[in-house]
């Protein structure tokens, strides 16, 4: 069973769509053509990946359930200057752990592609570890939602790590380190807290971490 729900408010969705429109305009003006070739992805494919990621942010693939004593009722929660929406109960007495298509599955596949294409295994591994450590220290547990991080932190940290580890190879390192580091540092390292969140669903790469992963893809291109 695929779970579909809006992980953020319409305002944030509009802002992300607006940002994606600007991104598309830059691609059409060929401002980012050279940039994304350095990342390792053709510009038009990069736009398609970002668009599918944004649309896929509403789609979650169930992995397993964790018993919980109390589920938080649907309401809005504000954290780090943005509003999260607690969804309806999906499974009585349990929190559903799922994989978000746009915020986890697609970034994982793109990261594997870049890893195999560039073969910068050591640098990317170090980059992922560094970003994961920073993001984990910034991650905040939000009852009813999951784990949230400041949306601008992952891409900026990833960009800095990419430049330090390899100035010429910074873009692909920034993407992999930012995407995988965010997923590991924010979500995977906090999975042990799932039973205490009272959330109807905890989506890896969704809600509190999606925007950070999404912005990482754009920043990686601009970094080139």
N, C-alpha and C. Protein backbone atom coordinates (compact mmCIF):
# COMPACT_ATOMS: atom_id res chain seq x y z
N UNK A 1 0.84 -1.20 0.00
CA UNK A 1 0.00 0.00 0.00
C UNK A 1 0.87 1.25 0.00
N UNK A 2 0.72 2.09 -1.00
CA UNK A 2 1.44 3.34 -1.09
C UNK A 2 0.69 4.42 -0.32
N UNK A 3 1.40 5.16 0.53
CA UNK A 3 0.77 6.22 1.33
C UNK A 3 1.04 7.57 0.67
N UNK A 4 -0.02 8.30 0.37
CA UNK A 4 0.11 9.61 -0.26
C UNK A 4 -0.51 10.67 0.64
N UNK A 5 0.29 11.66 1.01
CA UNK A 5 -0.23 12.78 1.80
C UNK A 5 0.70 13.97 1.63
N UNK A 6 0.20 15.17 1.88
CA UNK A 6 0.99 16.38 1.73
C UNK A 6 1.89 16.56 2.95
N UNK A 7 3.22 16.52 2.79
CA UNK A 7 4.12 16.64 3.93
C UNK A 7 4.35 18.08 4.38
N UNK A 8 3.91 19.05 3.59
CA UNK A 8 4.09 20.44 3.98
C UNK A 8 2.92 21.28 3.47
N UNK A 9 2.88 22.55 3.87
CA UNK A 9 1.76 23.42 3.53
C UNK A 9 1.82 23.83 2.06
N UNK A 10 0.71 24.35 1.58
CA UNK A 10 0.63 24.79 0.19
C UNK A 10 1.59 25.94 -0.09
N UNK A 11 1.83 26.79 0.92
CA UNK A 11 2.74 27.92 0.75
C UNK A 11 4.15 27.43 0.45
N UNK A 12 4.63 26.46 1.23
CA UNK A 12 5.98 25.95 0.98
C UNK A 12 6.05 25.23 -0.36
N UNK A 13 4.99 24.50 -0.70
CA UNK A 13 4.95 23.82 -1.99
C UNK A 13 5.03 24.84 -3.12
N UNK A 14 4.32 25.96 -2.98
CA UNK A 14 4.36 27.02 -3.98
C UNK A 14 5.77 27.60 -4.11
N UNK A 15 6.43 27.83 -2.97
CA UNK A 15 7.78 28.39 -2.98
C UNK A 15 8.77 27.43 -3.65
N UNK A 16 8.63 26.13 -3.38
CA UNK A 16 9.51 25.15 -4.00
C UNK A 16 9.25 25.06 -5.50
N UNK A 17 7.98 25.14 -5.91
CA UNK A 17 7.65 25.15 -7.33
C UNK A 17 8.20 26.40 -8.01
N UNK A 18 8.14 27.53 -7.32
CA UNK A 18 8.69 28.78 -7.86
C UNK A 18 10.20 28.66 -8.04
N UNK A 19 10.85 28.06 -7.05
CA UNK A 19 12.30 27.86 -7.13
C UNK A 19 12.64 26.93 -8.28
N UNK A 20 11.81 25.92 -8.49
CA UNK A 20 12.03 24.97 -9.58
C UNK A 20 11.82 25.66 -10.93
N UNK A 21 10.88 26.59 -11.00
CA UNK A 21 10.64 27.34 -12.23
C UNK A 21 11.85 28.21 -12.58
N UNK A 22 12.43 28.84 -11.57
CA UNK A 22 13.65 29.63 -11.79
C UNK A 22 14.78 28.72 -12.27
N UNK A 23 14.86 27.54 -11.66
CA UNK A 23 15.87 26.56 -12.04
C UNK A 23 15.70 26.18 -13.52
N UNK A 24 14.45 25.94 -13.94
CA UNK A 24 14.16 25.57 -15.33
C UNK A 24 14.55 26.71 -16.26
N UNK A 25 14.26 27.95 -15.87
CA UNK A 25 14.60 29.11 -16.69
C UNK A 25 16.12 29.20 -16.89
N UNK A 26 16.87 28.96 -15.82
CA UNK A 26 18.33 29.00 -15.92
C UNK A 26 18.85 27.90 -16.83
N UNK A 27 18.20 26.74 -16.79
CA UNK A 27 18.60 25.64 -17.67
C UNK A 27 18.34 26.03 -19.12
N UNK A 28 17.16 26.60 -19.38
CA UNK A 28 16.81 26.99 -20.75
C UNK A 28 17.73 28.09 -21.26
N UNK A 29 18.20 28.94 -20.36
CA UNK A 29 19.13 30.01 -20.74
C UNK A 29 20.58 29.48 -20.81
N UNK A 30 20.70 28.18 -20.53
CA UNK A 30 21.99 27.49 -20.57
C UNK A 30 22.98 28.01 -19.54
N UNK A 31 22.46 28.68 -18.52
CA UNK A 31 23.32 29.14 -17.43
C UNK A 31 23.85 27.95 -16.64
N UNK A 32 22.99 26.91 -16.49
CA UNK A 32 23.39 25.75 -15.69
C UNK A 32 23.83 24.55 -16.53
N UNK A 33 23.92 24.71 -17.86
CA UNK A 33 24.30 23.59 -18.71
C UNK A 33 25.68 23.06 -18.34
N UNK A 34 26.65 23.95 -18.32
CA UNK A 34 28.02 23.55 -17.95
C UNK A 34 28.06 23.05 -16.51
N UNK A 35 27.31 23.73 -15.66
CA UNK A 35 27.32 23.38 -14.24
C UNK A 35 26.90 21.93 -14.02
N UNK A 36 25.75 21.56 -14.58
CA UNK A 36 25.25 20.22 -14.31
C UNK A 36 26.02 19.13 -15.05
N UNK A 37 26.71 19.50 -16.11
CA UNK A 37 27.60 18.53 -16.73
C UNK A 37 28.74 18.20 -15.79
N UNK A 38 29.17 19.20 -15.02
CA UNK A 38 30.21 18.95 -14.02
C UNK A 38 29.68 18.11 -12.87
N UNK A 39 28.41 18.27 -12.56
CA UNK A 39 27.82 17.43 -11.51
C UNK A 39 27.78 15.98 -11.97
N UNK A 40 27.56 15.79 -13.28
CA UNK A 40 27.52 14.44 -13.82
C UNK A 40 26.16 14.07 -14.36
N UNK A 41 25.26 15.07 -14.46
CA UNK A 41 23.91 14.82 -14.95
C UNK A 41 23.59 15.87 -16.02
N UNK A 42 23.00 15.45 -17.13
CA UNK A 42 22.61 16.40 -18.16
C UNK A 42 21.56 17.35 -17.60
N UNK A 43 21.66 18.66 -17.94
CA UNK A 43 20.75 19.66 -17.36
C UNK A 43 19.27 19.31 -17.45
N UNK A 44 18.81 18.86 -18.62
CA UNK A 44 17.39 18.54 -18.76
C UNK A 44 17.00 17.36 -17.88
N UNK A 45 17.91 16.39 -17.75
CA UNK A 45 17.65 15.27 -16.87
C UNK A 45 17.61 15.73 -15.42
N UNK A 46 18.50 16.69 -15.10
CA UNK A 46 18.55 17.22 -13.74
C UNK A 46 17.22 17.88 -13.38
N UNK A 47 16.66 18.66 -14.33
CA UNK A 47 15.37 19.30 -14.07
C UNK A 47 14.29 18.25 -13.88
N UNK A 48 14.32 17.21 -14.71
CA UNK A 48 13.32 16.14 -14.61
C UNK A 48 13.42 15.45 -13.25
N UNK A 49 14.65 15.21 -12.80
CA UNK A 49 14.86 14.58 -11.50
C UNK A 49 14.31 15.45 -10.38
N UNK A 50 14.56 16.77 -10.45
CA UNK A 50 14.08 17.67 -9.42
C UNK A 50 12.55 17.75 -9.42
N UNK A 51 11.95 17.75 -10.62
CA UNK A 51 10.49 17.82 -10.72
C UNK A 51 9.85 16.55 -10.16
N UNK A 52 10.40 15.40 -10.54
CA UNK A 52 9.88 14.12 -10.04
C UNK A 52 10.07 14.04 -8.53
N UNK A 53 11.19 14.58 -8.04
CA UNK A 53 11.44 14.58 -6.60
C UNK A 53 10.37 15.39 -5.86
N UNK A 54 10.04 16.55 -6.42
CA UNK A 54 9.03 17.40 -5.78
C UNK A 54 7.66 16.73 -5.79
N UNK A 55 7.31 16.14 -6.92
CA UNK A 55 6.03 15.43 -7.00
C UNK A 55 6.04 14.18 -6.14
N UNK A 56 7.19 13.53 -6.09
CA UNK A 56 7.31 12.30 -5.30
C UNK A 56 7.36 12.53 -3.81
N UNK A 57 7.44 13.79 -3.39
CA UNK A 57 7.47 14.10 -1.95
C UNK A 57 6.16 13.72 -1.27
N UNK A 58 5.10 13.56 -2.07
CA UNK A 58 3.79 13.18 -1.52
C UNK A 58 3.60 11.67 -1.45
N UNK A 59 4.55 10.92 -2.02
CA UNK A 59 4.40 9.47 -2.12
C UNK A 59 5.37 8.77 -1.17
N UNK A 60 4.85 7.85 -0.35
CA UNK A 60 5.66 7.13 0.63
C UNK A 60 5.47 5.62 0.49
N UNK A 61 6.57 4.89 0.50
CA UNK A 61 6.53 3.44 0.39
C UNK A 61 6.67 2.84 1.78
N UNK A 62 5.64 2.18 2.31
CA UNK A 62 5.70 1.60 3.66
C UNK A 62 6.82 0.56 3.79
N UNK A 63 7.53 0.60 4.92
CA UNK A 63 8.59 -0.37 5.19
C UNK A 63 8.20 -1.31 6.32
N UNK A 64 7.84 -0.74 7.47
CA UNK A 64 7.42 -1.56 8.61
C UNK A 64 6.68 -0.67 9.61
N UNK A 65 6.06 -1.30 10.60
CA UNK A 65 5.31 -0.57 11.63
C UNK A 65 5.96 -0.74 13.00
N UNK A 66 5.85 0.30 13.82
CA UNK A 66 6.38 0.27 15.18
C UNK A 66 5.24 0.55 16.16
N UNK A 67 4.95 -0.37 17.09
CA UNK A 67 3.87 -0.15 18.07
C UNK A 67 4.12 1.11 18.90
N UNK A 68 3.07 1.86 19.15
CA UNK A 68 3.19 3.07 19.96
C UNK A 68 1.96 3.19 20.86
N UNK A 69 2.13 3.80 22.02
CA UNK A 69 1.03 3.90 22.98
C UNK A 69 0.01 4.95 22.59
N UNK A 70 0.48 6.05 22.02
CA UNK A 70 -0.45 7.14 21.71
C UNK A 70 -0.05 7.82 20.41
N UNK A 71 -1.02 8.05 19.55
CA UNK A 71 -0.78 8.75 18.30
C UNK A 71 -1.28 10.19 18.41
N UNK A 72 -0.50 11.11 17.91
CA UNK A 72 -0.87 12.52 17.94
C UNK A 72 -1.96 12.78 16.91
N UNK A 73 -2.99 13.52 17.32
CA UNK A 73 -4.09 13.83 16.41
C UNK A 73 -3.65 14.84 15.35
N UNK A 74 -4.30 14.87 14.19
CA UNK A 74 -3.91 15.78 13.10
C UNK A 74 -3.94 17.24 13.52
N UNK A 75 -2.87 17.96 13.24
CA UNK A 75 -2.80 19.40 13.49
C UNK A 75 -1.53 19.92 12.82
N UNK A 76 -1.31 21.23 12.90
CA UNK A 76 -0.13 21.84 12.31
C UNK A 76 0.89 22.14 13.40
N UNK A 77 2.18 21.93 13.06
CA UNK A 77 3.28 22.17 14.00
C UNK A 77 4.29 23.09 13.33
N UNK A 78 4.72 24.14 14.02
CA UNK A 78 5.72 25.06 13.48
C UNK A 78 7.09 24.78 14.07
N UNK A 79 8.10 24.70 13.21
CA UNK A 79 9.47 24.44 13.64
C UNK A 79 10.43 24.96 12.57
N UNK A 80 11.48 25.65 13.00
CA UNK A 80 12.48 26.21 12.10
C UNK A 80 11.85 27.13 11.04
N UNK A 81 10.82 27.87 11.44
CA UNK A 81 10.22 28.84 10.54
C UNK A 81 9.31 28.27 9.48
N UNK A 82 8.93 27.01 9.59
CA UNK A 82 8.02 26.42 8.62
C UNK A 82 6.97 25.58 9.34
N UNK A 83 5.90 25.26 8.64
CA UNK A 83 4.78 24.54 9.24
C UNK A 83 4.70 23.12 8.70
N UNK A 84 4.60 22.15 9.62
CA UNK A 84 4.44 20.75 9.27
C UNK A 84 3.00 20.33 9.55
N UNK A 85 2.53 19.38 8.76
CA UNK A 85 1.16 18.90 8.92
C UNK A 85 1.17 17.46 9.42
N UNK A 86 0.59 17.24 10.61
CA UNK A 86 0.46 15.88 11.15
C UNK A 86 -0.66 15.18 10.41
N UNK A 87 -0.40 14.06 9.72
CA UNK A 87 -1.42 13.39 8.92
C UNK A 87 -2.43 12.61 9.76
N UNK A 88 -3.44 12.09 9.10
CA UNK A 88 -4.44 11.25 9.75
C UNK A 88 -3.81 9.92 10.16
N UNK A 89 -4.43 9.24 11.13
CA UNK A 89 -3.95 7.93 11.57
C UNK A 89 -4.04 6.93 10.42
N UNK A 90 -2.95 6.22 10.20
CA UNK A 90 -2.90 5.25 9.11
C UNK A 90 -3.12 3.83 9.64
N UNK A 91 -2.49 3.53 10.78
CA UNK A 91 -2.63 2.20 11.39
C UNK A 91 -2.82 2.38 12.89
N UNK A 92 -3.91 1.92 13.43
CA UNK A 92 -4.23 2.10 14.85
C UNK A 92 -3.14 1.50 15.74
N UNK A 93 -2.69 2.31 16.72
CA UNK A 93 -1.72 1.82 17.70
C UNK A 93 -0.33 1.57 17.16
N UNK A 94 -0.01 2.16 16.01
CA UNK A 94 1.31 1.92 15.43
C UNK A 94 1.75 3.11 14.57
N UNK A 95 3.06 3.32 14.52
CA UNK A 95 3.66 4.32 13.65
C UNK A 95 4.20 3.62 12.42
N UNK A 96 3.79 4.06 11.27
CA UNK A 96 4.25 3.46 10.02
C UNK A 96 5.55 4.13 9.59
N UNK A 97 6.60 3.35 9.39
CA UNK A 97 7.87 3.87 8.90
C UNK A 97 7.90 3.63 7.39
N UNK A 98 8.11 4.70 6.63
CA UNK A 98 8.05 4.61 5.18
C UNK A 98 9.25 5.29 4.53
N UNK A 99 9.42 5.04 3.25
CA UNK A 99 10.49 5.65 2.46
C UNK A 99 9.85 6.63 1.49
N UNK A 100 10.22 7.91 1.61
CA UNK A 100 9.66 8.93 0.74
C UNK A 100 10.31 8.85 -0.64
N UNK A 101 9.49 8.83 -1.68
CA UNK A 101 10.01 8.67 -3.05
C UNK A 101 10.85 9.88 -3.47
N UNK A 102 10.32 11.08 -3.26
CA UNK A 102 11.04 12.28 -3.70
C UNK A 102 12.22 12.66 -2.84
N UNK A 103 12.11 12.43 -1.53
CA UNK A 103 13.16 12.87 -0.62
C UNK A 103 14.17 11.81 -0.26
N UNK A 104 13.93 10.55 -0.65
CA UNK A 104 14.89 9.49 -0.29
C UNK A 104 15.20 8.56 -1.46
N UNK A 105 14.19 7.94 -2.06
CA UNK A 105 14.43 6.95 -3.11
C UNK A 105 15.18 7.54 -4.30
N UNK A 106 14.68 8.67 -4.83
CA UNK A 106 15.33 9.29 -5.99
C UNK A 106 16.74 9.80 -5.66
N UNK A 107 16.93 10.52 -4.54
CA UNK A 107 18.30 10.95 -4.19
C UNK A 107 19.26 9.78 -3.99
N UNK A 108 18.78 8.67 -3.45
CA UNK A 108 19.63 7.49 -3.26
C UNK A 108 20.08 6.95 -4.62
N UNK A 109 19.14 6.84 -5.57
CA UNK A 109 19.47 6.33 -6.89
C UNK A 109 20.43 7.26 -7.63
N UNK A 110 20.20 8.58 -7.53
CA UNK A 110 21.09 9.54 -8.18
C UNK A 110 22.47 9.50 -7.54
N UNK A 111 22.53 9.36 -6.23
CA UNK A 111 23.81 9.31 -5.52
C UNK A 111 24.61 8.08 -5.92
N UNK A 112 23.92 6.94 -6.06
CA UNK A 112 24.60 5.71 -6.49
C UNK A 112 25.18 5.91 -7.90
N UNK A 113 24.39 6.55 -8.77
CA UNK A 113 24.84 6.82 -10.14
C UNK A 113 26.09 7.70 -10.13
N UNK A 114 26.06 8.79 -9.35
CA UNK A 114 27.21 9.70 -9.28
C UNK A 114 28.42 9.03 -8.66
N UNK A 115 28.18 8.20 -7.65
CA UNK A 115 29.28 7.48 -7.00
C UNK A 115 29.99 6.56 -7.99
N UNK A 116 29.21 5.81 -8.76
CA UNK A 116 29.78 4.88 -9.73
C UNK A 116 30.41 5.62 -10.91
N UNK A 117 29.85 6.76 -11.26
CA UNK A 117 30.34 7.51 -12.42
C UNK A 117 31.64 8.23 -12.10
N UNK A 118 31.74 8.85 -10.94
CA UNK A 118 32.93 9.64 -10.58
C UNK A 118 34.01 8.80 -9.90
N UNK A 119 33.58 7.72 -9.23
CA UNK A 119 34.49 6.82 -8.52
C UNK A 119 35.30 7.54 -7.42
N UNK A 120 34.74 8.62 -6.89
CA UNK A 120 35.38 9.32 -5.77
C UNK A 120 34.87 8.73 -4.46
N UNK A 121 35.07 7.43 -4.30
CA UNK A 121 34.50 6.70 -3.17
C UNK A 121 34.93 7.26 -1.82
N UNK A 122 36.23 7.44 -1.64
CA UNK A 122 36.74 7.89 -0.35
C UNK A 122 36.25 9.28 0.01
N UNK A 123 36.35 10.22 -0.93
CA UNK A 123 35.94 11.60 -0.65
C UNK A 123 34.44 11.70 -0.39
N UNK A 124 33.67 10.96 -1.17
CA UNK A 124 32.22 11.01 -0.96
C UNK A 124 31.83 10.38 0.37
N UNK A 125 32.52 9.32 0.75
CA UNK A 125 32.25 8.68 2.04
C UNK A 125 32.56 9.63 3.19
N UNK A 126 33.69 10.33 3.08
CA UNK A 126 34.06 11.31 4.10
C UNK A 126 33.05 12.45 4.12
N UNK A 127 32.64 12.90 2.93
CA UNK A 127 31.66 13.99 2.84
C UNK A 127 30.33 13.61 3.48
N UNK A 128 29.87 12.40 3.20
CA UNK A 128 28.61 11.92 3.79
C UNK A 128 28.72 11.89 5.31
N UNK A 129 29.85 11.39 5.81
CA UNK A 129 30.06 11.29 7.26
C UNK A 129 30.05 12.67 7.92
N UNK A 130 30.72 13.64 7.29
CA UNK A 130 30.79 14.99 7.86
C UNK A 130 29.42 15.66 7.88
N UNK A 131 28.70 15.57 6.76
CA UNK A 131 27.37 16.19 6.70
C UNK A 131 26.41 15.50 7.66
N UNK A 132 26.50 14.18 7.74
CA UNK A 132 25.63 13.43 8.66
C UNK A 132 25.87 13.86 10.11
N UNK A 133 27.14 14.08 10.47
CA UNK A 133 27.47 14.49 11.84
C UNK A 133 26.88 15.87 12.16
N UNK A 134 27.02 16.80 11.21
CA UNK A 134 26.51 18.16 11.43
C UNK A 134 24.98 18.16 11.48
N UNK A 135 24.36 17.49 10.52
CA UNK A 135 22.89 17.45 10.45
C UNK A 135 22.32 16.77 11.70
N UNK A 136 22.97 15.69 12.14
CA UNK A 136 22.49 14.99 13.33
C UNK A 136 22.51 15.90 14.55
N UNK A 137 23.52 16.76 14.63
CA UNK A 137 23.60 17.68 15.77
C UNK A 137 22.54 18.77 15.70
N UNK A 138 22.04 19.06 14.49
CA UNK A 138 21.02 20.09 14.31
C UNK A 138 19.60 19.54 14.30
N UNK A 139 19.48 18.22 14.15
CA UNK A 139 18.16 17.60 14.04
C UNK A 139 17.35 17.78 15.32
N UNK A 140 16.07 18.01 15.13
CA UNK A 140 15.18 18.23 16.28
C UNK A 140 13.97 17.31 16.14
N UNK A 141 13.64 16.64 17.23
CA UNK A 141 12.50 15.73 17.23
C UNK A 141 11.20 16.52 17.36
N UNK A 142 10.28 16.30 16.44
CA UNK A 142 8.98 16.98 16.45
C UNK A 142 7.88 15.95 16.68
N UNK A 143 7.25 15.94 17.85
CA UNK A 143 6.18 14.98 18.14
C UNK A 143 5.09 15.01 17.08
N UNK A 144 4.69 13.84 16.63
CA UNK A 144 3.64 13.75 15.63
C UNK A 144 4.14 13.84 14.20
N UNK A 145 5.36 14.32 14.02
CA UNK A 145 5.91 14.51 12.68
C UNK A 145 7.10 13.60 12.40
N UNK A 146 8.12 13.73 13.23
CA UNK A 146 9.36 12.98 12.99
C UNK A 146 10.56 13.84 13.32
N UNK A 147 11.52 13.88 12.42
CA UNK A 147 12.75 14.63 12.64
C UNK A 147 12.80 15.82 11.69
N UNK A 148 13.12 16.99 12.22
CA UNK A 148 13.20 18.20 11.41
C UNK A 148 14.58 18.82 11.51
N UNK A 149 15.04 19.39 10.41
CA UNK A 149 16.32 20.11 10.39
C UNK A 149 16.10 21.43 9.65
N UNK A 150 16.89 22.47 9.94
CA UNK A 150 16.78 23.73 9.20
C UNK A 150 17.02 23.47 7.72
N UNK A 151 16.10 23.90 6.84
CA UNK A 151 16.17 23.51 5.44
C UNK A 151 17.43 23.99 4.72
N UNK A 152 18.02 25.10 5.14
CA UNK A 152 19.17 25.65 4.43
C UNK A 152 20.49 25.03 4.92
N UNK A 153 20.47 24.40 6.09
CA UNK A 153 21.71 23.86 6.66
C UNK A 153 22.35 22.75 5.82
N UNK A 154 21.62 21.68 5.44
CA UNK A 154 22.25 20.60 4.68
C UNK A 154 22.92 21.04 3.39
N UNK A 155 22.26 21.85 2.51
CA UNK A 155 22.93 22.24 1.27
C UNK A 155 24.16 23.11 1.50
N UNK A 156 24.13 24.01 2.49
CA UNK A 156 25.28 24.87 2.74
C UNK A 156 26.46 24.06 3.30
N UNK A 157 26.16 23.16 4.22
CA UNK A 157 27.22 22.31 4.78
C UNK A 157 27.79 21.41 3.69
N UNK A 158 26.92 20.86 2.85
CA UNK A 158 27.36 19.98 1.76
C UNK A 158 28.25 20.74 0.77
N UNK A 159 27.87 21.98 0.45
CA UNK A 159 28.66 22.79 -0.47
C UNK A 159 30.05 23.06 0.10
N UNK A 160 30.11 23.41 1.38
CA UNK A 160 31.40 23.67 2.03
C UNK A 160 32.26 22.42 2.06
N UNK A 161 31.67 21.28 2.40
CA UNK A 161 32.40 20.01 2.44
C UNK A 161 32.91 19.64 1.06
N UNK A 162 32.07 19.84 0.02
CA UNK A 162 32.47 19.52 -1.34
C UNK A 162 33.67 20.34 -1.78
N UNK A 163 33.66 21.63 -1.47
CA UNK A 163 34.76 22.51 -1.86
C UNK A 163 36.05 22.15 -1.14
N UNK A 164 35.95 21.76 0.11
CA UNK A 164 37.14 21.40 0.89
C UNK A 164 37.75 20.09 0.40
N UNK A 165 36.89 19.11 0.12
CA UNK A 165 37.38 17.79 -0.28
C UNK A 165 37.90 17.74 -1.71
N UNK A 166 37.29 18.50 -2.60
CA UNK A 166 37.74 18.52 -3.99
C UNK A 166 37.15 19.74 -4.68
N UNK A 167 37.97 20.75 -4.91
CA UNK A 167 37.46 22.00 -5.49
C UNK A 167 36.86 21.74 -6.87
N UNK A 168 37.56 20.99 -7.72
CA UNK A 168 37.07 20.73 -9.07
C UNK A 168 35.92 19.72 -9.07
N UNK A 169 35.94 18.80 -8.14
CA UNK A 169 34.90 17.78 -8.08
C UNK A 169 33.85 18.06 -7.03
N UNK A 170 33.75 19.34 -6.62
CA UNK A 170 32.84 19.71 -5.53
C UNK A 170 31.36 19.42 -5.82
N UNK A 171 30.83 19.70 -7.03
CA UNK A 171 29.39 19.52 -7.27
C UNK A 171 28.86 18.11 -6.99
N UNK A 172 29.43 17.04 -7.59
CA UNK A 172 28.90 15.71 -7.28
C UNK A 172 29.11 15.30 -5.83
N UNK A 173 30.22 15.73 -5.24
CA UNK A 173 30.46 15.41 -3.83
C UNK A 173 29.41 16.11 -2.97
N UNK A 174 29.11 17.37 -3.30
CA UNK A 174 28.12 18.14 -2.54
C UNK A 174 26.75 17.47 -2.62
N UNK A 175 26.38 16.98 -3.80
CA UNK A 175 25.07 16.35 -3.94
C UNK A 175 24.99 15.08 -3.11
N UNK A 176 25.97 14.20 -3.28
CA UNK A 176 25.94 12.92 -2.57
C UNK A 176 26.05 13.13 -1.05
N UNK A 177 27.00 13.99 -0.65
CA UNK A 177 27.20 14.24 0.78
C UNK A 177 25.96 14.89 1.40
N UNK A 178 25.37 15.84 0.67
CA UNK A 178 24.20 16.53 1.19
C UNK A 178 22.97 15.65 1.28
N UNK A 179 22.74 14.88 0.23
CA UNK A 179 21.56 14.01 0.20
C UNK A 179 21.68 12.86 1.19
N UNK A 180 22.76 12.10 1.06
CA UNK A 180 22.93 10.93 1.92
C UNK A 180 23.24 11.34 3.36
N UNK A 181 24.00 12.40 3.54
CA UNK A 181 24.33 12.86 4.89
C UNK A 181 23.10 13.32 5.64
N UNK A 182 22.18 13.98 4.93
CA UNK A 182 20.94 14.43 5.55
C UNK A 182 20.05 13.25 5.94
N UNK A 183 19.90 12.29 5.03
CA UNK A 183 19.07 11.13 5.31
C UNK A 183 19.62 10.31 6.48
N UNK A 184 20.94 10.16 6.50
CA UNK A 184 21.56 9.38 7.58
C UNK A 184 21.53 10.15 8.90
N UNK A 185 21.99 11.40 8.86
CA UNK A 185 22.11 12.18 10.09
C UNK A 185 20.78 12.54 10.73
N UNK A 186 19.79 12.86 9.91
CA UNK A 186 18.49 13.27 10.46
C UNK A 186 17.56 12.10 10.71
N UNK A 187 17.42 11.23 9.72
CA UNK A 187 16.41 10.17 9.81
C UNK A 187 16.93 8.83 10.33
N UNK A 188 17.91 8.26 9.67
CA UNK A 188 18.36 6.91 10.04
C UNK A 188 18.92 6.84 11.45
N UNK A 189 19.70 7.85 11.85
CA UNK A 189 20.30 7.83 13.18
C UNK A 189 19.29 8.13 14.29
N UNK A 190 18.08 8.51 13.90
CA UNK A 190 17.04 8.80 14.90
C UNK A 190 15.86 7.83 14.83
N UNK A 191 16.00 6.76 14.07
CA UNK A 191 14.91 5.79 13.94
C UNK A 191 14.53 5.15 15.28
N UNK A 192 15.50 5.11 16.20
CA UNK A 192 15.20 4.52 17.52
C UNK A 192 14.17 5.33 18.28
N UNK A 193 13.93 6.58 17.86
CA UNK A 193 12.97 7.45 18.55
C UNK A 193 11.55 7.31 18.01
N UNK A 194 11.38 6.50 16.96
CA UNK A 194 10.09 6.40 16.29
C UNK A 194 8.95 6.07 17.25
N UNK A 195 9.17 5.11 18.13
CA UNK A 195 8.10 4.66 19.03
C UNK A 195 7.65 5.75 20.00
N UNK A 196 8.48 6.78 20.21
CA UNK A 196 8.15 7.82 21.18
C UNK A 196 7.59 9.08 20.53
N UNK A 197 7.49 9.10 19.21
CA UNK A 197 7.05 10.31 18.52
C UNK A 197 5.53 10.47 18.49
N UNK A 198 4.82 9.37 18.53
CA UNK A 198 3.37 9.44 18.44
C UNK A 198 2.90 9.86 17.06
N UNK A 199 3.77 9.67 16.06
CA UNK A 199 3.44 10.10 14.70
C UNK A 199 2.72 8.98 13.95
N UNK A 200 1.66 9.30 13.19
CA UNK A 200 0.98 8.29 12.39
C UNK A 200 1.92 7.66 11.36
N UNK A 201 2.83 8.48 10.82
CA UNK A 201 3.80 8.00 9.85
C UNK A 201 5.11 8.77 9.99
N UNK A 202 6.21 8.06 9.94
CA UNK A 202 7.54 8.67 9.92
C UNK A 202 8.15 8.29 8.59
N UNK A 203 8.34 9.28 7.75
CA UNK A 203 8.82 9.03 6.40
C UNK A 203 10.29 9.42 6.26
N UNK A 204 11.13 8.47 5.89
CA UNK A 204 12.55 8.73 5.67
C UNK A 204 12.68 9.59 4.40
N UNK A 205 13.20 10.79 4.57
CA UNK A 205 13.32 11.71 3.45
C UNK A 205 12.08 12.57 3.25
N UNK A 206 11.11 12.46 4.13
CA UNK A 206 9.89 13.25 4.00
C UNK A 206 9.83 14.37 5.02
N UNK A 207 8.75 15.10 5.02
CA UNK A 207 8.45 16.16 5.99
C UNK A 207 9.67 16.99 6.38
N UNK A 208 10.29 16.72 7.53
CA UNK A 208 11.34 17.57 8.08
C UNK A 208 12.66 17.56 7.35
N UNK A 209 12.90 16.59 6.45
CA UNK A 209 14.19 16.53 5.76
C UNK A 209 14.09 16.71 4.26
N UNK A 210 12.89 16.63 3.69
CA UNK A 210 12.77 16.71 2.23
C UNK A 210 13.32 18.00 1.66
N UNK A 211 12.94 19.15 2.25
CA UNK A 211 13.36 20.42 1.66
C UNK A 211 14.88 20.58 1.67
N UNK A 212 15.54 20.06 2.72
CA UNK A 212 17.00 20.12 2.76
C UNK A 212 17.62 19.31 1.65
N UNK A 213 17.09 18.12 1.41
CA UNK A 213 17.59 17.25 0.33
C UNK A 213 17.29 17.89 -1.02
N UNK A 214 16.10 18.46 -1.19
CA UNK A 214 15.70 19.08 -2.45
C UNK A 214 16.61 20.25 -2.79
N UNK A 215 16.87 21.11 -1.82
CA UNK A 215 17.72 22.28 -2.04
C UNK A 215 19.16 21.87 -2.33
N UNK A 216 19.59 20.73 -1.79
CA UNK A 216 20.95 20.25 -2.03
C UNK A 216 21.19 20.03 -3.52
N UNK A 217 20.19 19.48 -4.22
CA UNK A 217 20.32 19.24 -5.65
C UNK A 217 20.51 20.52 -6.42
N UNK A 218 19.80 21.59 -6.03
CA UNK A 218 19.93 22.87 -6.72
C UNK A 218 21.25 23.54 -6.39
N UNK A 219 21.63 23.53 -5.11
CA UNK A 219 22.89 24.14 -4.69
C UNK A 219 24.08 23.46 -5.35
N UNK A 220 24.02 22.13 -5.51
CA UNK A 220 25.11 21.39 -6.15
C UNK A 220 25.33 21.88 -7.57
N UNK A 221 24.24 22.19 -8.28
CA UNK A 221 24.36 22.69 -9.64
C UNK A 221 24.93 24.10 -9.67
N UNK A 222 24.44 24.95 -8.78
CA UNK A 222 24.94 26.32 -8.72
C UNK A 222 26.40 26.36 -8.29
N UNK A 223 26.81 25.38 -7.52
CA UNK A 223 28.18 25.32 -7.01
C UNK A 223 29.19 25.18 -8.14
N UNK A 224 28.79 24.54 -9.23
CA UNK A 224 29.70 24.34 -10.36
C UNK A 224 30.04 25.65 -11.05
